[in-house]
């Protein structure tokens, strides 16, 4: 059976700690469920005609997602290959709760996770979708507390993915 999980992210390596923590918990339950994981950030498309016509998801991701983030996702996906059906990166471009609820329904999301510690890291047109997740209907909502150590010699680098959460 495949379940869909939404995880709020800002496409930083630190935000993958939420994914690691969720997969670690799911691994402990030892059931035969696989998960389609949606890593979602809010993105303000702007209101210029040029932006609305010519921005695609590819151009948006080239602005907000790093190569290290993609590599780290692959590493996590390989480590938990028995749990992960696929990891999909997406952006939510709406600005109303009803639009977010429709997004969750269209993607068949059963569980949503967010961390309040990611709020200050949003930039480049990104916005925090945690307020939408908190008010979501027909979805199990979980707040994940992720503590990031003050000193980490590999902060911002791919080796950060191997640190225990």
N, C-alpha and C. Protein backbone atom coordinates (compact mmCIF):
# COMPACT_ATOMS: atom_id res chain seq x y z
N UNK A 1 0.83 -1.17 0.00
CA UNK A 1 0.00 0.00 0.00
C UNK A 1 0.89 1.25 0.00
N UNK A 2 0.48 2.24 -0.76
CA UNK A 2 1.25 3.48 -0.86
C UNK A 2 0.44 4.62 -0.25
N UNK A 3 1.06 5.32 0.71
CA UNK A 3 0.45 6.49 1.33
C UNK A 3 1.24 7.72 0.91
N UNK A 4 0.56 8.85 0.88
CA UNK A 4 1.21 10.10 0.50
C UNK A 4 1.40 10.98 1.73
N UNK A 5 2.63 11.46 1.88
CA UNK A 5 3.01 12.33 3.00
C UNK A 5 3.48 13.65 2.42
N UNK A 6 3.03 14.75 3.00
CA UNK A 6 3.53 16.08 2.62
C UNK A 6 4.44 16.58 3.72
N UNK A 7 5.60 17.07 3.33
CA UNK A 7 6.55 17.65 4.29
C UNK A 7 6.86 19.07 3.84
N UNK A 8 6.61 20.02 4.72
CA UNK A 8 6.92 21.43 4.42
C UNK A 8 8.43 21.60 4.45
N UNK A 9 8.96 22.27 3.43
CA UNK A 9 10.40 22.45 3.32
C UNK A 9 10.71 23.85 2.83
N UNK A 10 11.96 24.23 2.99
CA UNK A 10 12.42 25.48 2.38
C UNK A 10 13.57 25.17 1.41
N UNK A 11 13.74 23.89 1.10
CA UNK A 11 14.77 23.40 0.19
C UNK A 11 16.18 23.69 0.68
N UNK A 12 16.34 23.68 2.01
CA UNK A 12 17.68 23.75 2.60
C UNK A 12 18.02 22.35 3.11
N UNK A 13 19.30 22.10 3.32
CA UNK A 13 19.69 20.79 3.84
C UNK A 13 19.13 20.57 5.25
N UNK A 14 19.00 21.65 6.03
CA UNK A 14 18.45 21.52 7.38
C UNK A 14 17.01 21.00 7.35
N UNK A 15 16.26 21.39 6.33
CA UNK A 15 14.86 20.97 6.26
C UNK A 15 14.73 19.47 6.00
N UNK A 16 15.76 18.84 5.50
CA UNK A 16 15.70 17.39 5.29
C UNK A 16 15.76 16.61 6.60
N UNK A 17 16.10 17.30 7.69
CA UNK A 17 16.05 16.63 9.00
C UNK A 17 14.64 16.21 9.34
N UNK A 18 13.65 16.96 8.87
CA UNK A 18 12.25 16.57 9.08
C UNK A 18 11.99 15.24 8.38
N UNK A 19 12.41 15.15 7.13
CA UNK A 19 12.23 13.92 6.35
C UNK A 19 12.93 12.75 7.02
N UNK A 20 14.16 12.96 7.47
CA UNK A 20 14.90 11.88 8.12
C UNK A 20 14.20 11.41 9.39
N UNK A 21 13.69 12.37 10.16
CA UNK A 21 13.01 12.02 11.41
C UNK A 21 11.72 11.24 11.13
N UNK A 22 10.96 11.67 10.13
CA UNK A 22 9.72 10.99 9.77
C UNK A 22 10.01 9.57 9.30
N UNK A 23 10.99 9.42 8.44
CA UNK A 23 11.32 8.08 7.93
C UNK A 23 11.87 7.17 9.02
N UNK A 24 12.60 7.75 9.96
CA UNK A 24 13.10 6.96 11.08
C UNK A 24 11.94 6.44 11.93
N UNK A 25 10.92 7.29 12.16
CA UNK A 25 9.74 6.86 12.91
C UNK A 25 8.96 5.79 12.14
N UNK A 26 8.80 6.00 10.83
CA UNK A 26 8.07 5.02 10.01
C UNK A 26 8.80 3.69 9.95
N UNK A 27 10.13 3.75 9.95
CA UNK A 27 10.94 2.54 9.92
C UNK A 27 10.76 1.74 11.21
N UNK A 28 10.55 2.42 12.31
CA UNK A 28 10.38 1.75 13.60
C UNK A 28 9.06 0.99 13.68
N UNK A 29 8.05 1.41 12.92
CA UNK A 29 6.75 0.73 12.96
C UNK A 29 6.77 -0.61 12.24
N UNK A 30 7.68 -0.79 11.30
CA UNK A 30 7.88 -2.05 10.59
C UNK A 30 6.63 -2.58 9.90
N UNK A 31 5.84 -1.71 9.30
CA UNK A 31 4.74 -2.21 8.47
C UNK A 31 5.17 -2.17 7.00
N UNK A 32 4.41 -2.76 6.13
CA UNK A 32 4.81 -2.87 4.73
C UNK A 32 4.31 -1.71 3.87
N UNK A 33 4.14 -0.56 4.46
CA UNK A 33 3.64 0.60 3.73
C UNK A 33 4.80 1.33 3.09
N UNK A 34 4.57 1.73 1.83
CA UNK A 34 5.53 2.60 1.16
C UNK A 34 4.93 3.99 1.09
N UNK A 35 5.79 4.99 0.97
CA UNK A 35 5.32 6.37 1.02
C UNK A 35 5.77 7.17 -0.20
N UNK A 36 4.82 7.88 -0.75
CA UNK A 36 5.14 8.91 -1.75
C UNK A 36 5.31 10.18 -0.93
N UNK A 37 6.47 10.79 -1.01
CA UNK A 37 6.77 11.94 -0.17
C UNK A 37 6.79 13.20 -1.03
N UNK A 38 5.96 14.15 -0.65
CA UNK A 38 5.91 15.46 -1.32
C UNK A 38 6.67 16.46 -0.47
N UNK A 39 7.77 16.98 -0.99
CA UNK A 39 8.50 18.05 -0.32
C UNK A 39 7.99 19.35 -0.93
N UNK A 40 7.26 20.14 -0.15
CA UNK A 40 6.56 21.28 -0.69
C UNK A 40 6.96 22.56 0.03
N UNK A 41 7.14 23.59 -0.76
CA UNK A 41 7.36 24.94 -0.24
C UNK A 41 6.36 25.86 -0.91
N UNK A 42 5.99 26.92 -0.22
CA UNK A 42 5.15 27.93 -0.85
C UNK A 42 6.02 28.80 -1.74
N UNK A 43 5.46 29.24 -2.86
CA UNK A 43 6.21 30.12 -3.75
C UNK A 43 5.27 31.18 -4.31
N UNK A 44 5.69 32.42 -4.16
CA UNK A 44 4.91 33.54 -4.67
C UNK A 44 5.32 33.80 -6.11
N UNK A 45 4.42 33.51 -7.05
CA UNK A 45 4.74 33.65 -8.47
C UNK A 45 4.80 35.11 -8.91
N UNK A 46 4.33 36.01 -8.07
CA UNK A 46 4.29 37.41 -8.46
C UNK A 46 3.05 37.69 -9.28
N UNK A 47 2.92 38.93 -9.71
CA UNK A 47 1.74 39.25 -10.50
C UNK A 47 2.10 39.89 -11.84
N UNK A 48 3.35 39.78 -12.23
CA UNK A 48 3.73 40.30 -13.54
C UNK A 48 3.35 39.27 -14.61
N UNK A 49 2.85 39.75 -15.71
CA UNK A 49 2.43 38.88 -16.82
C UNK A 49 3.60 38.03 -17.30
N UNK A 50 4.78 38.62 -17.38
CA UNK A 50 5.95 37.88 -17.85
C UNK A 50 6.25 36.70 -16.93
N UNK A 51 6.23 36.94 -15.62
CA UNK A 51 6.49 35.86 -14.67
C UNK A 51 5.45 34.76 -14.76
N UNK A 52 4.19 35.15 -14.85
CA UNK A 52 3.12 34.16 -14.89
C UNK A 52 3.15 33.34 -16.17
N UNK A 53 3.55 33.94 -17.27
CA UNK A 53 3.57 33.22 -18.54
C UNK A 53 4.81 32.34 -18.72
N UNK A 54 5.96 32.82 -18.28
CA UNK A 54 7.20 32.15 -18.65
C UNK A 54 7.89 31.41 -17.51
N UNK A 55 7.41 31.53 -16.29
CA UNK A 55 7.98 30.74 -15.21
C UNK A 55 7.37 29.35 -15.21
N UNK A 56 8.22 28.35 -15.22
CA UNK A 56 7.78 26.96 -15.10
C UNK A 56 8.31 26.42 -13.78
N UNK A 57 7.90 25.22 -13.42
CA UNK A 57 8.42 24.63 -12.19
C UNK A 57 9.94 24.46 -12.29
N UNK A 58 10.42 24.17 -13.47
CA UNK A 58 11.87 24.02 -13.66
C UNK A 58 12.62 25.31 -13.36
N UNK A 59 12.11 26.42 -13.84
CA UNK A 59 12.79 27.70 -13.57
C UNK A 59 12.66 28.09 -12.10
N UNK A 60 11.53 27.78 -11.49
CA UNK A 60 11.35 28.07 -10.07
C UNK A 60 12.33 27.25 -9.25
N UNK A 61 12.42 25.93 -9.56
CA UNK A 61 13.33 25.08 -8.80
C UNK A 61 14.79 25.46 -9.01
N UNK A 62 15.14 25.96 -10.18
CA UNK A 62 16.53 26.39 -10.39
C UNK A 62 16.87 27.59 -9.51
N UNK A 63 15.84 28.35 -9.09
CA UNK A 63 16.07 29.50 -8.21
C UNK A 63 16.12 29.10 -6.73
N UNK A 64 15.31 28.14 -6.33
CA UNK A 64 15.14 27.89 -4.89
C UNK A 64 15.75 26.58 -4.39
N UNK A 65 16.15 25.68 -5.27
CA UNK A 65 16.64 24.37 -4.84
C UNK A 65 18.07 24.19 -5.30
N UNK A 66 18.94 23.72 -4.40
CA UNK A 66 20.35 23.54 -4.74
C UNK A 66 20.63 22.10 -5.17
N UNK A 67 21.77 21.92 -5.82
CA UNK A 67 22.18 20.58 -6.23
C UNK A 67 22.43 19.70 -5.01
N UNK A 68 22.97 20.29 -3.95
CA UNK A 68 23.22 19.53 -2.72
C UNK A 68 21.92 18.98 -2.14
N UNK A 69 20.86 19.77 -2.23
CA UNK A 69 19.56 19.31 -1.74
C UNK A 69 19.10 18.09 -2.52
N UNK A 70 19.22 18.14 -3.84
CA UNK A 70 18.81 17.01 -4.68
C UNK A 70 19.65 15.77 -4.39
N UNK A 71 20.97 15.96 -4.22
CA UNK A 71 21.85 14.84 -3.89
C UNK A 71 21.48 14.24 -2.53
N UNK A 72 21.18 15.10 -1.57
CA UNK A 72 20.81 14.62 -0.24
C UNK A 72 19.50 13.83 -0.29
N UNK A 73 18.54 14.30 -1.09
CA UNK A 73 17.28 13.55 -1.26
C UNK A 73 17.55 12.17 -1.81
N UNK A 74 18.44 12.07 -2.78
CA UNK A 74 18.78 10.77 -3.36
C UNK A 74 19.41 9.85 -2.33
N UNK A 75 20.28 10.40 -1.49
CA UNK A 75 20.92 9.60 -0.45
C UNK A 75 19.87 9.06 0.52
N UNK A 76 18.97 9.93 0.96
CA UNK A 76 17.92 9.51 1.91
C UNK A 76 16.99 8.50 1.26
N UNK A 77 16.66 8.73 0.00
CA UNK A 77 15.79 7.79 -0.73
C UNK A 77 16.44 6.42 -0.84
N UNK A 78 17.75 6.37 -1.07
CA UNK A 78 18.44 5.09 -1.15
C UNK A 78 18.54 4.40 0.21
N UNK A 79 18.74 5.19 1.25
CA UNK A 79 18.86 4.61 2.60
C UNK A 79 17.54 3.98 3.03
N UNK A 80 16.44 4.62 2.71
CA UNK A 80 15.11 4.12 3.10
C UNK A 80 14.34 3.61 1.88
N UNK A 81 15.00 2.90 0.99
CA UNK A 81 14.36 2.47 -0.25
C UNK A 81 13.18 1.53 0.00
N UNK A 82 13.19 0.83 1.12
CA UNK A 82 12.06 -0.06 1.45
C UNK A 82 10.82 0.72 1.89
N UNK A 83 11.00 1.99 2.27
CA UNK A 83 9.88 2.82 2.71
C UNK A 83 9.44 3.82 1.65
N UNK A 84 10.37 4.27 0.84
CA UNK A 84 10.09 5.37 -0.09
C UNK A 84 9.73 4.83 -1.46
N UNK A 85 8.53 5.15 -1.91
CA UNK A 85 8.13 4.85 -3.27
C UNK A 85 8.76 5.87 -4.20
N UNK A 86 8.58 7.16 -3.88
CA UNK A 86 9.27 8.22 -4.59
C UNK A 86 9.19 9.51 -3.79
N UNK A 87 10.16 10.38 -4.05
CA UNK A 87 10.20 11.70 -3.44
C UNK A 87 9.97 12.72 -4.54
N UNK A 88 8.98 13.58 -4.33
CA UNK A 88 8.61 14.57 -5.33
C UNK A 88 8.75 15.96 -4.71
N UNK A 89 9.45 16.85 -5.40
CA UNK A 89 9.55 18.25 -4.97
C UNK A 89 8.47 19.04 -5.69
N UNK A 90 7.81 19.93 -4.95
CA UNK A 90 6.73 20.71 -5.54
C UNK A 90 6.66 22.07 -4.86
N UNK A 91 5.94 22.98 -5.49
CA UNK A 91 5.68 24.29 -4.90
C UNK A 91 4.18 24.52 -4.88
N UNK A 92 3.73 25.16 -3.80
CA UNK A 92 2.34 25.57 -3.69
C UNK A 92 2.31 27.06 -3.98
N UNK A 93 1.53 27.45 -4.99
CA UNK A 93 1.52 28.85 -5.41
C UNK A 93 0.25 29.59 -5.04
N UNK A 94 -0.63 28.93 -4.32
CA UNK A 94 -1.87 29.57 -3.93
C UNK A 94 -1.69 30.49 -2.74
N UNK A 95 -2.76 31.21 -2.42
CA UNK A 95 -2.67 32.10 -1.27
C UNK A 95 -3.88 31.97 -0.34
N UNK A 96 -4.71 30.96 -0.56
CA UNK A 96 -5.89 30.77 0.27
C UNK A 96 -5.94 29.34 0.81
N UNK A 97 -6.54 29.19 1.98
CA UNK A 97 -6.65 27.87 2.62
C UNK A 97 -7.43 26.90 1.74
N UNK A 98 -8.47 27.36 1.09
CA UNK A 98 -9.28 26.48 0.23
C UNK A 98 -8.43 25.91 -0.92
N UNK A 99 -7.56 26.74 -1.49
CA UNK A 99 -6.66 26.26 -2.55
C UNK A 99 -5.71 25.20 -2.01
N UNK A 100 -5.21 25.40 -0.80
CA UNK A 100 -4.31 24.41 -0.19
C UNK A 100 -5.05 23.11 0.09
N UNK A 101 -6.28 23.21 0.61
CA UNK A 101 -7.06 22.00 0.86
C UNK A 101 -7.32 21.23 -0.44
N UNK A 102 -7.58 21.95 -1.52
CA UNK A 102 -7.77 21.30 -2.82
C UNK A 102 -6.48 20.65 -3.31
N UNK A 103 -5.35 21.29 -3.05
CA UNK A 103 -4.04 20.71 -3.40
C UNK A 103 -3.84 19.39 -2.66
N UNK A 104 -4.13 19.39 -1.35
CA UNK A 104 -3.98 18.17 -0.55
C UNK A 104 -4.90 17.06 -1.06
N UNK A 105 -6.11 17.42 -1.42
CA UNK A 105 -7.08 16.45 -1.93
C UNK A 105 -6.63 15.88 -3.28
N UNK A 106 -6.15 16.75 -4.16
CA UNK A 106 -5.71 16.32 -5.48
C UNK A 106 -4.51 15.38 -5.40
N UNK A 107 -3.65 15.60 -4.42
CA UNK A 107 -2.45 14.77 -4.26
C UNK A 107 -2.68 13.57 -3.35
N UNK A 108 -3.91 13.43 -2.80
CA UNK A 108 -4.26 12.33 -1.89
C UNK A 108 -3.35 12.27 -0.66
N UNK A 109 -3.06 13.42 -0.10
CA UNK A 109 -2.19 13.50 1.07
C UNK A 109 -2.95 13.01 2.31
N UNK A 110 -2.31 12.09 3.04
CA UNK A 110 -2.92 11.55 4.25
C UNK A 110 -2.31 12.14 5.52
N UNK A 111 -1.02 12.50 5.46
CA UNK A 111 -0.32 13.07 6.60
C UNK A 111 0.50 14.26 6.14
N UNK A 112 0.60 15.27 7.01
CA UNK A 112 1.41 16.44 6.70
C UNK A 112 2.29 16.77 7.90
N UNK A 113 3.55 17.10 7.62
CA UNK A 113 4.52 17.41 8.66
C UNK A 113 5.11 18.79 8.40
N UNK A 114 5.37 19.50 9.49
CA UNK A 114 6.04 20.80 9.37
C UNK A 114 6.87 21.02 10.63
N UNK A 115 7.81 21.94 10.53
CA UNK A 115 8.63 22.31 11.67
C UNK A 115 8.61 23.82 11.83
N UNK A 116 8.33 24.30 13.02
CA UNK A 116 8.32 25.74 13.23
C UNK A 116 9.71 26.37 13.13
N UNK A 117 10.75 25.56 13.17
CA UNK A 117 12.11 26.10 13.13
C UNK A 117 12.54 26.56 11.73
N UNK A 118 11.74 26.29 10.70
CA UNK A 118 12.13 26.68 9.34
C UNK A 118 11.63 28.07 8.94
N UNK A 119 10.83 28.70 9.76
CA UNK A 119 10.18 29.96 9.39
C UNK A 119 11.14 31.04 8.93
N UNK A 120 12.27 31.20 9.61
CA UNK A 120 13.16 32.32 9.33
C UNK A 120 14.02 32.11 8.09
N UNK A 121 13.98 30.95 7.50
CA UNK A 121 14.88 30.65 6.39
C UNK A 121 14.27 30.93 5.02
N UNK A 122 13.04 31.38 4.97
CA UNK A 122 12.37 31.57 3.68
C UNK A 122 12.81 32.86 3.01
N UNK A 123 13.13 32.76 1.74
CA UNK A 123 13.52 33.90 0.92
C UNK A 123 13.35 33.51 -0.54
N UNK A 124 13.79 34.35 -1.45
CA UNK A 124 13.72 34.08 -2.89
C UNK A 124 12.30 33.78 -3.37
N UNK A 125 11.32 34.45 -2.80
CA UNK A 125 9.94 34.24 -3.23
C UNK A 125 9.23 33.11 -2.51
N UNK A 126 9.95 32.39 -1.67
CA UNK A 126 9.34 31.28 -0.93
C UNK A 126 8.57 31.82 0.25
N UNK A 127 7.53 31.08 0.65
CA UNK A 127 6.83 31.41 1.89
C UNK A 127 6.52 30.13 2.64
N UNK A 128 6.32 30.27 3.93
CA UNK A 128 6.09 29.15 4.82
C UNK A 128 4.65 28.64 4.66
N UNK A 129 4.49 27.33 4.44
CA UNK A 129 3.15 26.77 4.28
C UNK A 129 2.63 26.17 5.59
N UNK A 130 3.37 26.33 6.68
CA UNK A 130 2.94 25.78 7.97
C UNK A 130 1.57 26.30 8.40
N UNK A 131 1.23 27.60 8.23
CA UNK A 131 -0.11 28.04 8.61
C UNK A 131 -1.22 27.32 7.85
N UNK A 132 -0.96 27.00 6.58
CA UNK A 132 -1.94 26.25 5.79
C UNK A 132 -2.06 24.82 6.30
N UNK A 133 -0.92 24.22 6.65
CA UNK A 133 -0.93 22.84 7.14
C UNK A 133 -1.69 22.75 8.46
N UNK A 134 -1.47 23.71 9.35
CA UNK A 134 -2.13 23.70 10.66
C UNK A 134 -3.65 23.71 10.52
N UNK A 135 -4.17 24.38 9.49
CA UNK A 135 -5.62 24.50 9.31
C UNK A 135 -6.17 23.48 8.31
N UNK A 136 -5.34 22.57 7.85
CA UNK A 136 -5.77 21.62 6.82
C UNK A 136 -6.85 20.68 7.34
N UNK A 137 -7.76 20.31 6.44
CA UNK A 137 -8.85 19.41 6.78
C UNK A 137 -8.58 18.03 6.19
N UNK A 138 -9.09 17.00 6.87
CA UNK A 138 -9.01 15.61 6.40
C UNK A 138 -7.57 15.10 6.25
N UNK A 139 -6.65 15.69 7.01
CA UNK A 139 -5.24 15.28 6.96
C UNK A 139 -4.72 15.21 8.39
N UNK A 140 -3.93 14.19 8.69
CA UNK A 140 -3.28 14.12 10.00
C UNK A 140 -2.10 15.09 9.99
N UNK A 141 -2.12 16.06 10.88
CA UNK A 141 -1.07 17.08 10.92
C UNK A 141 -0.14 16.80 12.09
N UNK A 142 1.17 16.84 11.82
CA UNK A 142 2.18 16.58 12.84
C UNK A 142 3.20 17.72 12.84
N UNK A 143 3.51 18.21 14.03
CA UNK A 143 4.58 19.20 14.17
C UNK A 143 5.83 18.46 14.61
N UNK A 144 6.89 18.64 13.88
CA UNK A 144 8.16 17.97 14.18
C UNK A 144 9.14 19.01 14.70
N UNK A 145 9.67 18.76 15.88
CA UNK A 145 10.67 19.66 16.44
C UNK A 145 12.05 19.14 16.02
N UNK A 146 12.75 19.95 15.28
CA UNK A 146 14.08 19.58 14.81
C UNK A 146 15.06 20.55 15.44
N UNK A 147 16.00 20.00 16.19
CA UNK A 147 17.03 20.85 16.78
C UNK A 147 18.28 20.75 15.94
N UNK A 148 18.82 21.89 15.61
CA UNK A 148 20.03 21.93 14.80
C UNK A 148 21.17 22.36 15.71
N UNK A 149 22.23 21.55 15.80
CA UNK A 149 23.33 21.90 16.69
C UNK A 149 23.95 23.25 16.30
N UNK A 150 24.41 23.97 17.32
CA UNK A 150 25.04 25.27 17.07
C UNK A 150 26.28 25.12 16.21
N UNK A 151 27.10 24.11 16.54
CA UNK A 151 28.33 23.91 15.80
C UNK A 151 28.23 22.64 15.00
N UNK A 152 28.38 22.76 13.71
CA UNK A 152 28.43 21.61 12.83
C UNK A 152 29.47 21.92 11.77
N UNK A 153 30.57 21.19 11.76
CA UNK A 153 31.66 21.54 10.84
C UNK A 153 31.27 21.46 9.37
N UNK A 154 30.28 20.67 9.03
CA UNK A 154 29.89 20.50 7.63
C UNK A 154 28.58 21.21 7.32
N UNK A 155 28.22 22.25 8.07
CA UNK A 155 26.95 22.94 7.87
C UNK A 155 26.87 23.47 6.44
N UNK A 156 25.71 23.20 5.80
CA UNK A 156 25.50 23.68 4.44
C UNK A 156 26.11 22.79 3.38
N UNK A 157 26.69 21.67 3.81
CA UNK A 157 27.30 20.75 2.86
C UNK A 157 26.57 19.42 2.92
N UNK A 158 26.84 18.61 1.93
CA UNK A 158 26.15 17.32 1.79
C UNK A 158 26.40 16.40 2.99
N UNK A 159 27.54 16.51 3.63
CA UNK A 159 27.86 15.65 4.78
C UNK A 159 26.89 15.88 5.93
N UNK A 160 26.20 17.01 5.94
CA UNK A 160 25.22 17.31 6.98
C UNK A 160 24.08 16.28 7.00
N UNK A 161 23.82 15.65 5.87
CA UNK A 161 22.75 14.67 5.76
C UNK A 161 23.04 13.44 6.62
N UNK A 162 24.32 13.14 6.84
CA UNK A 162 24.69 11.95 7.58
C UNK A 162 24.67 12.16 9.09
N UNK A 163 24.48 13.39 9.54
CA UNK A 163 24.39 13.66 10.98
C UNK A 163 23.08 13.09 11.51
N UNK A 164 23.14 12.52 12.70
CA UNK A 164 21.95 11.95 13.31
C UNK A 164 21.02 13.05 13.80
N UNK A 165 19.73 12.80 13.66
CA UNK A 165 18.72 13.77 14.09
C UNK A 165 18.27 13.43 15.48
